[in-house]
Amino acid sequence: MPGDNDITVQIEQAREILSSDELAPICEMVFWRDDLNGTPAYVVANSIGTVRYARHEEDGTHRFEVIDVEGENFLEKQDQGAFSPVHDERSSLFPTASENHYPHAYESIAQIFDDPNAPDMAAVHTAAHNWEDEGGHRGEHGSLDVIQARAPFIAAGKGIAALGEVNRGIRLIDIAPTILHALGAKATDGGRSATGEVAGPTLLKRQDGVAATDIVDEGDRPERAVTFLLDGCNNNVLHDMAARGEIPNIARLMEMGTTFSHGAASSFPTVTLANHTAIATGTHPGHHNVLHNSFWDRSEKKRIDTNHPATWHLWSQWVSSEVETIHDAIHRSFPGEFTASIDEPADGGADYSTFGMFRKGRGTGFPESPHELPHASAQFVRPFKDYEWSTAVDHMGLEQATGIWSGHFKGDDYPLPKFMWVNFTLTDSAMHRGGPHSDISEASLRDTDGRIGEIIASIEKAGAFEETAFFLFADHGMEESNPEVTGNWGKILRDEGISFRDEGYGFIYVGVED
């Protein structure tokens, strides 16, 4: 293993290479923590500029101060509504760092380095970059930019103000506090704020997010809440299809309540389990410890692989004990109430959980052949294995959700849920394969909309629709990549003699052999 001095030299070499003109087509920026006089400071660099900024704690929140800029401060463009509606996105495919926008960039970058397993530096791929040599897709996410960070957010039903479409956005970490506020959950004394300091009272044990209280009718609380997570769903595409009448059940929710046109911004990295956990706990990845699809455990000296069917059920082993899930908070506020987590790995505290059933060795009804299932577009489910698998998974979830609302599933009786979380995977699979602006992408939304309609119908049949609030969102967005813009910075770094691991594509740990 190289010595400390060698590692320092290699880190500086890697930063210089990753921010060079040579790598500008595939690497949008690289950033790292570099404390200044004991104050947390962060440096973000690319071929057009370098930005150094500091983070200060102030009344339980963070304030950010730009210290120095060389060249262009590309991070100052943070419009969460940029490149929307869908026509504007399609007219501006593959924006460069000079053109792009990065919602909540200072906070999103800084939080990741609060975790002891944070990388030495994080490299962010460009909007155009296609990971062809790493099994890439036409649709990509993981970056800091607005299209990949922006997820949909819709709230509707009992206790939700019918404001229609509002020209604003929130963050994914705001969703759990918003749901808990809508339900009238009790705050906990001694909770921790976004800075990690004891504050109080807070709706969650640690709370980085803030409830969107203005969309809640304080005098008309819902008795129940149901969430639909459409993994990897592009916000603009969803809005466009709803306007065209292609997804009537989602459009119904939009007409009933409040839709944020700018959606909900995910935390960096804009990947699956890091942001499922951010939604479930109201905290950033750097605070809940599920850092990326994969990351390096420095103390155990081993790779943690979070985003894989073989390991999803292990979620509770990685998440910090200093956070709690929305299920935990509901049980604390409403003792004896029943909650359910359908096809969702971030299931801590749920009374019924798909992955909990797996952990107990019990089956949950995975269909043997998805080809003849309802809400399964034949032109895609037959030829594409990823579409086929996701169709089967989402149908399994549909049967679990409707079964629980009926009061009976696989021989067990269930009360009406106080809270149910339903996760759909098909949109992510389809938008990866074809890109968000493709026929397969639209098919996935139509199929998912049909399943949402069946779940809503089961809630109506149970007599609970009029007392239920609904929330629809995604864990991140999805952006069209350019198949002609490929390449891997790893080969270039290794050719320069730098020893490192690149976890999750972008978390770079120097001096650790791959």
Protein backbone atom coordinates (compact mmCIF):
# COMPACT_ATOMS: atom_id res chain seq x y z
CA MET A 1 0.00 0.00 0.00
CA PRO A 2 1.29 3.49 -0.73
CA GLY A 3 2.24 5.77 2.15
CA ASP A 4 0.31 8.87 3.24
CA ASN A 5 2.49 11.19 1.18
CA ASP A 6 1.99 9.02 -1.90
CA ILE A 7 -1.78 9.04 -1.35
CA THR A 8 -1.81 12.84 -1.04
CA VAL A 9 0.08 13.16 -4.29
CA GLN A 10 -2.25 10.70 -6.04
CA ILE A 11 -5.33 12.55 -4.78
CA GLU A 12 -4.03 15.81 -6.24
CA GLN A 13 -3.19 14.08 -9.51
CA ALA A 14 -6.67 12.56 -9.71
CA ARG A 15 -8.35 15.91 -9.06
CA GLU A 16 -6.31 17.58 -11.77
CA ILE A 17 -7.09 14.85 -14.30
CA LEU A 18 -10.81 14.73 -13.53
CA SER A 19 -11.19 18.50 -13.92
CA SER A 20 -9.14 18.66 -17.14
CA ASP A 21 -10.24 19.64 -20.64
CA GLU A 22 -9.50 16.08 -21.74
CA LEU A 23 -12.19 14.62 -19.49
CA ALA A 24 -14.69 17.49 -19.83
CA PRO A 25 -16.96 15.52 -22.25
CA ILE A 26 -17.57 12.79 -19.65
CA CYS A 27 -16.78 14.38 -16.25
CA GLU A 28 -18.94 17.38 -15.37
CA MET A 29 -17.10 18.15 -12.13
CA VAL A 30 -15.14 16.69 -9.24
CA PHE A 31 -15.51 17.81 -5.63
CA TRP A 32 -13.98 17.13 -2.24
CA ARG A 33 -13.89 18.38 1.35
CA ASP A 34 -10.91 20.60 2.19
CA ASP A 35 -11.40 22.26 5.58
CA LEU A 36 -10.15 25.78 5.97
CA ASN A 37 -8.95 26.92 9.41
CA GLY A 38 -11.15 24.35 11.12
CA THR A 39 -14.26 25.38 9.13
CA PRO A 40 -15.82 22.79 6.82
CA ALA A 41 -14.96 23.87 3.27
CA TYR A 42 -15.65 22.26 -0.08
CA VAL A 43 -13.95 22.58 -3.45
CA VAL A 44 -15.73 21.91 -6.74
CA ALA A 45 -13.71 21.95 -9.95
CA ASN A 46 -14.01 21.33 -13.66
CA SER A 47 -12.46 22.63 -16.86
CA ILE A 48 -14.28 25.99 -16.70
CA GLY A 49 -13.90 26.92 -13.04
CA THR A 50 -13.11 26.11 -9.43
CA VAL A 51 -15.41 27.07 -6.56
CA ARG A 52 -14.46 26.95 -2.88
CA TYR A 53 -17.19 27.46 -0.32
CA ALA A 54 -17.72 27.09 3.42
CA ARG A 55 -20.60 25.73 5.49
CA HIS A 56 -21.70 27.47 8.68
CA GLU A 57 -24.20 26.30 11.29
CA GLU A 58 -26.95 28.76 12.06
CA ASP A 59 -30.10 28.12 14.14
CA GLY A 60 -30.18 24.40 13.35
CA THR A 61 -29.64 24.87 9.62
CA HIS A 62 -26.67 25.35 7.32
CA ARG A 63 -25.63 28.57 5.64
CA PHE A 64 -23.19 28.48 2.73
CA GLU A 65 -20.59 31.11 1.86
CA VAL A 66 -18.65 31.19 -1.41
CA ILE A 67 -15.04 31.93 -0.47
CA ASP A 68 -13.27 31.95 -3.79
CA VAL A 69 -13.99 31.44 -7.48
CA GLU A 70 -11.48 30.86 -10.25
CA GLY A 71 -13.06 31.11 -13.69
CA GLU A 72 -16.81 30.46 -13.75
CA ASN A 73 -19.02 29.72 -10.75
CA PHE A 74 -21.15 27.14 -12.53
CA LEU A 75 -22.78 26.09 -9.22
CA GLU A 76 -24.66 29.38 -8.81
CA LYS A 77 -27.28 28.28 -11.35
CA GLN A 78 -29.70 26.28 -9.17
CA ASP A 79 -33.13 26.71 -10.79
CA GLN A 80 -35.12 23.56 -10.00
CA GLY A 81 -37.54 24.44 -12.79
CA ALA A 82 -34.89 24.70 -15.50
CA PHE A 83 -35.44 22.78 -18.77
CA SER A 84 -39.17 22.35 -18.25
CA PRO A 85 -41.78 21.66 -19.52
CA VAL A 86 -40.88 18.63 -21.60
CA HIS A 87 -40.47 20.60 -24.85
CA ASP A 88 -37.74 22.69 -23.25
CA GLU A 89 -35.96 19.57 -22.02
CA ARG A 90 -36.08 17.93 -25.43
CA SER A 91 -34.83 21.13 -27.04
CA SER A 92 -31.82 21.28 -24.69
CA LEU A 93 -30.52 17.73 -24.51
CA PHE A 94 -27.02 17.25 -23.09
CA PRO A 95 -26.49 20.70 -21.48
CA THR A 96 -22.88 21.52 -20.55
CA ALA A 97 -21.68 22.72 -17.15
CA SER A 98 -21.99 26.32 -18.38
CA GLU A 99 -25.64 25.72 -19.31
CA ASN A 100 -26.78 23.31 -16.60
CA HIS A 101 -28.52 23.91 -13.28
CA TYR A 102 -27.80 22.19 -9.96
CA PRO A 103 -30.63 22.50 -7.38
CA HIS A 104 -29.44 22.91 -3.77
CA ALA A 105 -25.91 22.22 -5.00
CA TYR A 106 -23.96 23.54 -2.01
CA GLU A 107 -25.98 21.50 0.48
CA SER A 108 -26.16 18.39 -1.71
CA ILE A 109 -22.39 18.28 -2.14
CA ALA A 110 -21.48 19.05 1.46
CA GLN A 111 -23.75 16.49 3.13
CA ILE A 112 -22.04 13.48 1.57
CA PHE A 113 -18.76 14.28 3.34
CA ASP A 114 -20.40 14.14 6.78
CA ASP A 115 -20.22 10.34 6.64
CA PRO A 116 -16.94 8.66 7.68
CA ASN A 117 -17.23 6.42 4.61
CA ALA A 118 -17.38 9.37 2.23
CA PRO A 119 -14.94 9.13 -0.69
CA ASP A 120 -11.77 11.17 -1.08
CA MET A 121 -13.53 12.84 -3.99
CA ALA A 122 -16.71 12.48 -6.00
CA ALA A 123 -16.63 12.63 -9.79
CA VAL A 124 -19.89 13.54 -11.54
CA HIS A 125 -20.60 12.46 -15.10
CA THR A 126 -21.93 14.90 -17.69
CA ALA A 127 -25.50 15.00 -18.97
CA ALA A 128 -24.31 13.57 -22.30
CA HIS A 129 -22.14 10.78 -20.91
CA ASN A 130 -23.28 7.24 -21.65
CA TRP A 131 -21.70 4.42 -19.60
CA GLU A 132 -21.59 2.16 -22.66
CA ASP A 133 -18.39 0.43 -21.57
CA GLU A 134 -19.95 -0.26 -18.15
CA GLY A 135 -23.27 -1.63 -19.40
CA GLY A 136 -24.77 1.84 -19.74
CA HIS A 137 -28.26 2.82 -20.76
CA ARG A 138 -29.86 5.44 -22.98
CA GLY A 139 -31.35 6.99 -19.85
CA GLU A 140 -28.95 7.88 -17.03
CA HIS A 141 -29.01 9.34 -13.52
CA GLY A 142 -26.63 9.72 -10.58
CA SER A 143 -25.42 13.21 -11.40
CA LEU A 144 -26.05 16.50 -9.62
CA ASP A 145 -27.85 18.24 -12.49
CA VAL A 146 -31.48 19.27 -12.52
CA ILE A 147 -32.90 16.65 -14.91
CA GLN A 148 -31.30 13.76 -13.04
CA ALA A 149 -32.08 15.24 -9.61
CA ARG A 150 -35.68 16.33 -10.28
CA ALA A 151 -38.35 13.80 -9.30
CA PRO A 152 -42.13 14.35 -9.50
CA PHE A 153 -44.13 15.34 -6.42
CA ILE A 154 -47.93 15.22 -6.18
CA ALA A 155 -50.06 15.42 -3.03
CA ALA A 156 -53.83 14.85 -3.05
CA GLY A 157 -56.83 13.65 -1.09
CA LYS A 158 -58.01 14.18 2.44
CA GLY A 159 -56.34 17.09 4.21
CA ILE A 160 -54.43 18.29 1.13
CA ALA A 161 -55.17 21.71 -0.32
CA ALA A 162 -56.44 21.58 -3.92
CA LEU A 163 -54.05 24.21 -5.28
CA GLY A 164 -53.60 22.61 -8.70
CA GLU A 165 -50.15 22.95 -10.24
CA VAL A 166 -47.91 25.33 -8.32
CA ASN A 167 -44.75 26.81 -9.76
CA ARG A 168 -42.33 25.58 -7.14
CA GLY A 169 -40.40 22.58 -5.89
CA ILE A 170 -39.38 20.88 -2.68
CA ARG A 171 -36.72 18.28 -1.78
CA LEU A 172 -37.13 14.56 -1.27
CA ILE A 173 -36.03 14.99 2.35
CA ASP A 174 -39.10 17.22 2.85
CA ILE A 175 -41.58 14.46 1.96
CA ALA A 176 -41.62 12.44 5.22
CA PRO A 177 -42.00 15.58 7.38
CA THR A 178 -44.84 16.72 5.08
CA ILE A 179 -46.70 13.39 5.37
CA LEU A 180 -46.23 13.29 9.14
CA HIS A 181 -47.43 16.88 9.47
CA ALA A 182 -50.49 16.08 7.36
CA LEU A 183 -51.35 13.10 9.58
CA GLY A 184 -50.94 15.21 12.72
CA ALA A 185 -48.02 13.16 14.02
CA LYS A 186 -46.46 14.09 17.34
CA ALA A 187 -43.11 15.82 17.40
CA THR A 188 -40.33 14.22 19.41
CA ASP A 189 -38.44 16.19 22.04
CA GLY A 190 -34.69 16.10 21.67
CA GLY A 191 -34.66 15.39 17.94
CA ARG A 192 -31.68 16.46 15.87
CA SER A 193 -31.72 19.17 13.26
CA ALA A 194 -29.99 19.29 9.88
CA THR A 195 -26.74 20.28 11.62
CA GLY A 196 -26.88 17.19 13.83
CA GLU A 197 -27.38 19.26 16.97
CA VAL A 198 -30.12 18.50 19.46
CA ALA A 199 -33.05 20.65 18.52
CA GLY A 200 -36.61 20.09 19.21
CA PRO A 201 -39.22 19.29 18.75
CA THR A 202 -38.87 17.49 15.40
CA LEU A 203 -41.19 15.11 13.55
CA LEU A 204 -38.35 12.63 13.02
CA LYS A 205 -35.47 11.55 15.24
CA ARG A 206 -33.13 13.45 12.93
CA GLN A 207 -34.68 15.80 10.40
CA ASP A 208 -32.88 17.49 7.51
CA GLY A 209 -36.12 18.19 5.67
CA VAL A 210 -38.88 20.72 6.27
CA ALA A 211 -42.62 20.03 6.03
CA ALA A 212 -44.51 21.76 3.22
CA THR A 213 -47.15 22.95 5.69
CA ASP A 214 -48.87 25.28 3.24
CA ILE A 215 -50.36 22.41 1.23
CA VAL A 216 -51.99 20.87 4.32
CA ASP A 217 -55.47 21.74 5.54
CA GLU A 218 -54.83 21.90 9.28
CA GLY A 219 -58.53 21.53 10.11
CA ASP A 220 -59.14 18.45 7.97
CA ARG A 221 -56.48 15.87 8.81
CA PRO A 222 -56.41 12.60 6.86
CA GLU A 223 -56.89 9.40 8.77
CA ARG A 224 -54.50 7.52 6.45
CA ALA A 225 -51.74 8.13 3.90
CA VAL A 226 -50.62 6.16 0.84
CA THR A 227 -47.47 6.86 -1.15
CA PHE A 228 -46.58 5.75 -4.67
CA LEU A 229 -42.89 5.82 -5.59
CA LEU A 230 -42.21 5.60 -9.34
CA ASP A 231 -38.53 4.74 -9.44
CA GLY A 232 -36.42 6.79 -11.87
CA CYS A 233 -39.35 8.75 -13.29
CA ASN A 234 -38.72 11.89 -15.37
CA ASN A 235 -40.85 14.74 -14.02
CA ASN A 236 -41.47 16.45 -17.38
CA VAL A 237 -42.54 13.25 -19.10
CA LEU A 238 -45.03 12.42 -16.33
CA HIS A 239 -46.57 15.91 -16.51
CA ASP A 240 -46.81 15.76 -20.30
CA MET A 241 -48.48 12.35 -20.34
CA ALA A 242 -50.95 13.41 -17.65
CA ALA A 243 -51.88 16.49 -19.71
CA ARG A 244 -52.43 14.30 -22.79
CA GLY A 245 -54.73 11.91 -20.92
CA GLU A 246 -52.30 8.99 -21.14
CA ILE A 247 -52.16 8.31 -17.39
CA PRO A 248 -55.67 9.03 -16.07
CA ASN A 249 -55.21 7.77 -12.52
CA ILE A 250 -52.17 9.96 -11.91
CA ALA A 251 -54.02 12.84 -13.60
CA ARG A 252 -56.88 12.26 -11.18
CA LEU A 253 -54.55 12.75 -8.23
CA MET A 254 -53.16 15.90 -9.83
CA GLU A 255 -56.68 17.30 -10.29
CA MET A 256 -57.62 16.48 -6.68
CA GLY A 257 -54.71 18.16 -4.95
CA THR A 258 -51.43 20.01 -5.39
CA THR A 259 -48.74 19.26 -7.95
CA PHE A 260 -45.30 20.84 -7.72
CA SER A 261 -44.28 21.69 -11.28
CA HIS A 262 -40.60 21.75 -10.21
CA GLY A 263 -40.96 18.40 -8.44
CA ALA A 264 -38.77 17.25 -5.57
CA ALA A 265 -34.98 17.44 -5.70
CA SER A 266 -33.07 14.32 -4.72
CA SER A 267 -29.85 14.39 -2.73
CA PHE A 268 -26.50 13.59 -4.29
CA PRO A 269 -25.84 10.95 -5.47
CA THR A 270 -29.11 10.80 -7.41
CA VAL A 271 -29.37 7.00 -7.18
CA THR A 272 -31.92 4.55 -5.89
CA LEU A 273 -31.40 3.33 -2.34
CA ALA A 274 -29.58 6.46 -1.18
CA ASN A 275 -32.70 8.48 -2.00
CA HIS A 276 -35.31 5.88 -1.04
CA THR A 277 -33.70 6.11 2.39
CA ALA A 278 -33.61 9.92 2.21
CA ILE A 279 -37.36 9.94 1.59
CA ALA A 280 -38.08 7.39 4.32
CA THR A 281 -35.99 9.16 6.99
CA GLY A 282 -36.09 12.84 5.99
CA THR A 283 -32.28 12.93 5.99
CA HIS A 284 -29.51 13.17 3.41
CA PRO A 285 -27.35 10.12 2.47
CA GLY A 286 -24.42 11.61 4.37
CA HIS A 287 -26.54 11.46 7.53
CA HIS A 288 -28.46 8.18 7.13
CA ASN A 289 -25.31 6.26 5.98
CA VAL A 290 -26.70 4.55 2.85
CA LEU A 291 -24.29 6.56 0.74
CA HIS A 292 -24.55 5.16 -2.77
CA ASN A 293 -25.47 2.08 -4.82
CA SER A 294 -22.08 0.88 -3.62
CA PHE A 295 -19.46 2.45 -1.34
CA TRP A 296 -16.36 1.52 0.62
CA ASP A 297 -16.61 0.79 4.36
CA ARG A 298 -13.34 2.27 5.61
CA SER A 299 -13.36 0.60 9.03
CA GLU A 300 -14.35 -2.85 7.76
CA LYS A 301 -12.27 -2.48 4.59
CA LYS A 302 -15.00 -3.94 2.41
CA ARG A 303 -17.38 -2.93 -0.34
CA ILE A 304 -21.02 -2.32 0.59
CA ASP A 305 -23.33 -3.12 -2.32
CA THR A 306 -26.79 -1.70 -1.59
CA ASN A 307 -28.61 -1.71 -4.92
CA HIS A 308 -28.88 -5.38 -5.83
CA PRO A 309 -31.73 -7.91 -5.50
CA ALA A 310 -29.43 -10.13 -3.45
CA THR A 311 -28.77 -7.42 -0.86
CA TRP A 312 -31.81 -5.09 -0.76
CA HIS A 313 -33.23 -6.96 2.22
CA LEU A 314 -30.10 -6.06 4.23
CA TRP A 315 -31.00 -2.35 4.28
CA SER A 316 -31.38 -2.20 8.07
CA GLN A 317 -27.74 -3.30 8.50
CA TRP A 318 -26.44 -0.15 6.79
CA VAL A 319 -28.79 2.62 7.90
CA SER A 320 -27.72 4.78 10.83
CA SER A 321 -29.26 4.19 14.25
CA GLU A 322 -29.45 7.98 14.62
CA VAL A 323 -32.33 8.26 12.16
CA GLU A 324 -35.83 6.81 12.15
CA THR A 325 -38.18 5.99 9.32
CA ILE A 326 -41.62 7.38 8.67
CA HIS A 327 -42.99 4.01 9.86
CA ASP A 328 -41.18 4.44 13.20
CA ALA A 329 -42.49 7.99 13.58
CA ILE A 330 -46.07 6.92 12.85
CA HIS A 331 -45.89 4.14 15.43
CA ARG A 332 -44.50 6.59 17.96
CA SER A 333 -47.34 9.02 17.26
CA PHE A 334 -50.16 6.53 16.75
CA PRO A 335 -49.52 3.43 18.91
CA GLY A 336 -51.22 0.29 17.65
CA GLU A 337 -51.71 1.51 14.08
CA PHE A 338 -50.71 -0.70 11.16
CA THR A 339 -48.24 0.30 8.41
CA ALA A 340 -47.17 -1.52 5.24
CA SER A 341 -44.13 -1.35 2.97
CA ILE A 342 -44.70 -2.85 -0.49
CA ASP A 343 -41.63 -3.75 -2.59
CA GLU A 344 -39.62 -1.12 -0.66
CA PRO A 345 -36.14 -1.95 0.72
CA ALA A 346 -36.17 1.04 3.13
CA ASP A 347 -38.80 -0.71 5.23
CA GLY A 348 -37.65 -0.10 8.80
CA GLY A 349 -40.51 -0.18 11.31
CA ALA A 350 -43.19 -1.40 8.89
CA ASP A 351 -45.62 -3.99 10.29
CA TYR A 352 -45.96 -5.62 6.88
CA SER A 353 -42.98 -5.58 4.53
CA THR A 354 -42.30 -7.40 1.28
CA PHE A 355 -38.65 -7.72 2.23
CA GLY A 356 -39.61 -8.66 5.75
CA MET A 357 -41.50 -11.60 4.29
CA PHE A 358 -38.39 -12.54 2.30
CA ARG A 359 -36.29 -12.34 5.47
CA LYS A 360 -38.74 -14.76 7.12
CA GLY A 361 -38.49 -17.14 4.17
CA ARG A 362 -42.11 -16.59 3.13
CA GLY A 363 -43.17 -16.12 -0.48
CA THR A 364 -45.09 -13.04 -1.59
CA GLY A 365 -46.57 -14.22 -4.87
CA PHE A 366 -43.95 -13.56 -7.54
CA PRO A 367 -45.66 -14.47 -10.85
CA GLU A 368 -44.06 -17.21 -12.91
CA SER A 369 -44.95 -15.67 -16.28
CA PRO A 370 -45.60 -11.93 -16.58
CA HIS A 371 -46.52 -12.02 -20.27
CA GLU A 372 -50.27 -12.29 -19.76
CA LEU A 373 -50.55 -10.05 -16.72
CA PRO A 374 -52.77 -6.97 -16.76
CA HIS A 375 -50.99 -3.63 -17.30
CA ALA A 376 -48.14 -5.34 -19.18
CA SER A 377 -47.32 -3.81 -22.57
CA ALA A 378 -46.73 -6.89 -24.73
CA GLN A 379 -44.42 -5.14 -27.18
CA PHE A 380 -41.89 -4.59 -24.38
CA VAL A 381 -42.56 -7.22 -21.74
CA ARG A 382 -41.82 -10.08 -24.14
CA PRO A 383 -38.51 -9.00 -25.73
CA PHE A 384 -36.87 -7.16 -22.83
CA LYS A 385 -35.90 -9.12 -19.72
CA ASP A 386 -35.57 -6.03 -17.52
CA TYR A 387 -39.08 -4.88 -18.49
CA GLU A 388 -40.38 -8.41 -17.92
CA TRP A 389 -38.77 -8.68 -14.46
CA SER A 390 -39.98 -5.24 -13.34
CA THR A 391 -43.48 -6.02 -14.59
CA ALA A 392 -43.51 -9.17 -12.46
CA VAL A 393 -42.21 -7.31 -9.41
CA ASP A 394 -44.74 -4.50 -9.74
CA HIS A 395 -47.61 -6.94 -10.26
CA MET A 396 -46.53 -8.77 -7.11
CA GLY A 397 -46.64 -5.45 -5.27
CA LEU A 398 -50.07 -4.69 -6.71
CA GLU A 399 -51.44 -7.98 -5.38
CA GLN A 400 -49.95 -7.35 -1.95
CA ALA A 401 -51.30 -3.80 -1.74
CA THR A 402 -54.83 -4.65 -2.92
CA GLY A 403 -54.85 -7.76 -0.76
CA ILE A 404 -54.02 -5.77 2.36
CA TRP A 405 -56.71 -3.18 1.58
CA SER A 406 -59.19 -6.04 1.17
CA GLY A 407 -58.24 -7.24 4.67
CA HIS A 408 -56.78 -10.58 3.57
CA PHE A 409 -53.59 -11.65 1.81
CA LYS A 410 -52.07 -15.16 1.58
CA GLY A 411 -54.03 -16.51 4.51
CA ASP A 412 -53.42 -13.58 6.85
CA ASP A 413 -55.88 -10.91 7.99
CA TYR A 414 -54.89 -7.23 8.01
CA PRO A 415 -56.42 -4.06 9.41
CA LEU A 416 -56.71 -0.94 7.26
CA PRO A 417 -53.25 0.67 7.09
CA LYS A 418 -52.54 4.00 8.71
CA PHE A 419 -49.73 4.31 6.17
CA MET A 420 -48.78 2.33 3.08
CA TRP A 421 -45.72 2.83 0.87
CA VAL A 422 -45.86 1.23 -2.59
CA ASN A 423 -42.70 1.14 -4.71
CA PHE A 424 -42.84 0.60 -8.49
CA THR A 425 -39.69 -0.37 -10.39
CA LEU A 426 -40.88 -0.46 -14.01
CA THR A 427 -40.38 3.21 -14.81
CA ASP A 428 -36.70 3.01 -13.88
CA SER A 429 -36.11 -0.08 -16.03
CA ALA A 430 -37.88 1.38 -19.05
CA MET A 431 -36.41 4.87 -18.88
CA HIS A 432 -32.93 3.42 -18.49
CA ARG A 433 -33.38 1.22 -21.54
CA GLY A 434 -34.98 3.68 -23.96
CA GLY A 435 -34.31 7.03 -22.35
CA PRO A 436 -37.11 9.13 -20.86
CA HIS A 437 -38.39 10.33 -24.26
CA SER A 438 -39.09 6.91 -25.76
CA ASP A 439 -42.04 4.64 -26.49
CA ILE A 440 -40.91 2.17 -23.82
CA SER A 441 -40.74 4.98 -21.28
CA GLU A 442 -44.33 6.01 -22.00
CA ALA A 443 -45.48 2.38 -21.91
CA SER A 444 -44.00 1.98 -18.42
CA LEU A 445 -45.94 4.98 -17.16
CA ARG A 446 -49.20 3.71 -18.67
CA ASP A 447 -48.64 0.27 -17.11
CA THR A 448 -47.79 1.79 -13.74
CA ASP A 449 -50.78 4.13 -13.91
CA GLY A 450 -53.03 1.10 -14.39
CA ARG A 451 -51.64 -0.52 -11.25
CA ILE A 452 -52.06 2.72 -9.28
CA GLY A 453 -55.68 2.80 -10.45
CA GLU A 454 -56.29 -0.71 -9.12
CA ILE A 455 -54.82 0.17 -5.72
CA ILE A 456 -56.95 3.31 -5.52
CA ALA A 457 -60.00 1.22 -6.44
CA SER A 458 -59.19 -1.22 -3.60
CA ILE A 459 -59.00 1.71 -1.17
CA GLU A 460 -62.39 2.93 -2.43
CA LYS A 461 -63.84 -0.56 -2.02
CA ALA A 462 -62.54 -0.63 1.57
CA GLY A 463 -64.46 2.61 2.25
CA ALA A 464 -61.25 4.48 3.06
CA PHE A 465 -60.76 6.72 0.01
CA GLU A 466 -62.44 9.80 1.49
CA GLU A 467 -60.19 9.69 4.56
CA THR A 468 -56.88 9.04 2.76
CA ALA A 469 -54.13 11.41 1.60
CA PHE A 470 -52.06 10.34 -1.42
CA PHE A 471 -48.46 11.25 -2.25
CA LEU A 472 -46.73 10.39 -5.53
CA PHE A 473 -43.00 10.92 -6.11
CA ALA A 474 -39.81 9.32 -7.43
CA ASP A 475 -36.36 8.77 -5.98
CA HIS A 476 -34.58 10.69 -8.76
CA GLY A 477 -35.12 11.78 -12.34
CA MET A 478 -33.85 10.31 -15.58
CA GLU A 479 -31.95 12.07 -18.38
CA GLU A 480 -31.30 11.26 -22.01
CA SER A 481 -27.65 10.40 -22.64
CA ASN A 482 -25.72 10.52 -25.90
CA PRO A 483 -24.56 7.07 -27.12
CA GLU A 484 -21.70 8.79 -28.94
CA VAL A 485 -20.25 10.23 -25.70
CA THR A 486 -18.64 7.31 -23.92
CA GLY A 487 -15.48 6.62 -21.97
CA ASN A 488 -14.35 5.78 -18.47
CA TRP A 489 -12.14 8.05 -16.38
CA GLY A 490 -10.90 4.99 -14.49
CA LYS A 491 -8.61 3.86 -17.30
CA ILE A 492 -7.03 7.31 -17.57
CA LEU A 493 -6.40 7.50 -13.82
CA ARG A 494 -4.85 4.02 -13.76
CA ASP A 495 -2.65 4.82 -16.74
CA GLU A 496 -1.22 7.65 -14.61
CA GLY A 497 -0.34 5.19 -11.84
CA ILE A 498 -3.12 6.22 -9.44
CA SER A 499 -4.32 3.43 -7.13
CA PHE A 500 -8.01 3.73 -6.26
CA ARG A 501 -11.50 2.22 -6.06
CA ASP A 502 -14.36 3.83 -7.97
CA GLU A 503 -17.56 2.79 -6.19
CA GLY A 504 -21.00 3.42 -7.67
CA TYR A 505 -19.20 5.13 -10.56
CA GLY A 506 -18.03 8.36 -9.04
CA PHE A 507 -17.06 7.72 -5.40
CA ILE A 508 -13.28 7.60 -5.61
CA TYR A 509 -11.22 6.19 -2.74
CA VAL A 510 -7.51 6.71 -3.35
CA GLY A 511 -4.91 4.25 -2.06
CA VAL A 512 -7.43 1.42 -1.82
CA GLU A 513 -6.81 -1.34 -4.32
CA ASP A 514 -9.70 -2.17 -6.65
